[in-house]
């Protein structure tokens, strides 16, 4: 999932705060749209309403998307890990991210709506 610009950075900061510094893997881009990428489990964004400004990738059957992944170490400009992955099975929690995005962007979604992923 991607959120561009300052909004993406605010969402990453909010996720960092909510999760006490363990939001899951998040990547920032320092040029272009200054995108922030949140790495979620495959298929976890499908069939859910998301706040405006959120771009979902591979959220449906037969869809293919390019998602940039920087190296874990060394220079990979313009991509940087905001929060590197702790292990190969750790992702950003979809329900926490969805509710944080709704709160940050003022989306009129009930926080209990679709909480199971």
Protein backbone atom coordinates (compact mmCIF):
# COMPACT_ATOMS: atom_id res chain seq x y z
CA UNK A 1 0.00 0.00 0.00
CA UNK A 2 1.24 3.52 -0.73
CA UNK A 3 0.47 7.02 0.55
CA UNK A 4 2.24 9.93 -1.14
CA UNK A 5 3.96 12.95 0.36
CA UNK A 6 3.66 14.45 3.81
CA UNK A 7 0.47 12.46 4.48
CA UNK A 8 2.40 9.21 4.06
CA UNK A 9 5.07 10.35 6.48
CA UNK A 10 2.45 11.41 9.02
CA UNK A 11 0.81 7.99 8.69
CA UNK A 12 4.18 6.24 9.15
CA UNK A 13 4.85 8.36 12.26
CA UNK A 14 1.39 7.53 13.60
CA UNK A 15 1.93 3.80 13.00
CA UNK A 16 5.31 4.02 14.73
CA UNK A 17 3.66 5.66 17.74
CA UNK A 18 0.66 3.31 17.88
CA UNK A 19 2.86 0.21 17.75
CA UNK A 20 5.53 1.45 20.18
CA UNK A 21 8.19 1.52 17.48
CA UNK A 22 7.30 -1.76 15.75
CA UNK A 23 4.93 -0.87 12.88
CA UNK A 24 6.28 -3.48 10.47
CA UNK A 25 8.22 -2.82 7.26
CA UNK A 26 7.78 0.69 5.85
CA UNK A 27 9.80 2.29 3.03
CA UNK A 28 10.09 5.98 2.15
CA UNK A 29 10.99 7.51 -1.19
CA UNK A 30 12.92 10.79 -1.23
CA UNK A 31 12.10 11.96 -4.76
CA UNK A 32 9.10 12.12 -7.07
CA UNK A 33 5.84 11.70 -5.17
CA UNK A 34 7.83 11.11 -1.96
CA UNK A 35 5.80 7.97 -1.50
CA UNK A 36 5.65 5.91 1.66
CA UNK A 37 5.12 2.18 1.16
CA UNK A 38 3.56 0.01 3.85
CA UNK A 39 4.24 -3.72 3.37
CA UNK A 40 1.13 -5.73 4.27
CA UNK A 41 0.32 -9.44 3.87
CA UNK A 42 -0.71 -10.36 0.33
CA UNK A 43 -4.42 -9.89 -0.30
CA UNK A 44 -5.06 -8.09 2.99
CA UNK A 45 -6.26 -4.84 1.37
CA UNK A 46 -8.85 -6.46 -0.90
CA UNK A 47 -12.57 -5.95 -0.34
CA UNK A 48 -12.02 -3.23 2.27
CA UNK A 49 -12.83 0.48 2.10
CA UNK A 50 -9.70 2.61 2.56
CA UNK A 51 -9.34 6.34 3.13
CA UNK A 52 -8.86 8.60 0.11
CA UNK A 53 -5.20 9.01 -0.81
CA UNK A 54 -4.36 5.36 -0.14
CA UNK A 55 -3.16 3.36 -3.17
CA UNK A 56 -3.57 -0.40 -2.82
CA UNK A 57 -1.40 -2.81 -4.77
CA UNK A 58 -2.36 -6.35 -5.81
CA UNK A 59 -5.68 -6.05 -4.03
CA UNK A 60 -7.54 -8.27 -6.46
CA UNK A 61 -7.22 -11.47 -8.40
CA UNK A 62 -5.11 -11.20 -11.53
CA UNK A 63 -3.62 -7.80 -10.67
CA UNK A 64 0.11 -7.19 -10.89
CA UNK A 65 1.89 -4.25 -9.30
CA UNK A 66 5.44 -3.00 -8.97
CA UNK A 67 6.40 -2.29 -5.36
CA UNK A 68 9.94 -1.05 -4.70
CA UNK A 69 12.05 -2.78 -2.07
CA UNK A 70 15.39 -1.26 -1.05
CA UNK A 71 18.38 -3.30 0.03
CA UNK A 72 18.54 -4.04 3.75
CA UNK A 73 21.96 -2.43 3.94
CA UNK A 74 23.92 -0.02 1.83
CA UNK A 75 22.82 2.92 -0.29
CA UNK A 76 19.59 2.46 -2.23
CA UNK A 77 18.68 6.10 -2.98
CA UNK A 78 15.90 7.23 -3.42
CA UNK A 79 14.46 4.45 -1.23
CA UNK A 80 15.11 4.12 2.50
CA UNK A 81 13.73 1.89 5.21
CA UNK A 82 11.61 3.90 7.65
CA UNK A 83 11.30 0.65 9.57
CA UNK A 84 13.15 -2.40 8.19
CA UNK A 85 11.55 -5.84 8.37
CA UNK A 86 12.23 -7.71 11.61
CA UNK A 87 11.84 -11.05 9.83
CA UNK A 88 10.36 -12.46 6.62
CA UNK A 89 6.97 -13.10 8.22
CA UNK A 90 6.49 -9.66 9.83
CA UNK A 91 4.22 -7.17 8.03
CA UNK A 92 2.32 -3.98 8.84
CA UNK A 93 -0.97 -4.96 10.51
CA UNK A 94 -3.76 -4.15 8.00
CA UNK A 95 -6.51 -3.29 10.50
CA UNK A 96 -4.26 -0.98 12.53
CA UNK A 97 -3.07 0.76 9.36
CA UNK A 98 -6.58 1.05 7.95
CA UNK A 99 -7.94 2.61 11.13
CA UNK A 100 -4.93 4.94 11.48
CA UNK A 101 -5.39 6.11 7.88
CA UNK A 102 -9.10 6.68 8.47
CA UNK A 103 -8.39 8.72 11.61
CA UNK A 104 -5.58 10.75 10.02
CA UNK A 105 -7.39 11.50 6.76
CA UNK A 106 -10.83 12.05 8.28
CA UNK A 107 -12.45 9.15 6.45
CA UNK A 108 -15.94 8.55 7.88
CA UNK A 109 -15.35 4.87 8.59
CA UNK A 110 -16.40 3.10 11.75
CA UNK A 111 -13.25 1.89 13.51
CA UNK A 112 -14.81 -1.54 14.08
CA UNK A 113 -15.79 -1.93 10.42
CA UNK A 114 -13.83 -4.71 8.78
CA UNK A 115 -11.42 -5.04 11.67
CA UNK A 116 -10.72 -8.70 10.93
CA UNK A 117 -8.27 -9.22 8.08
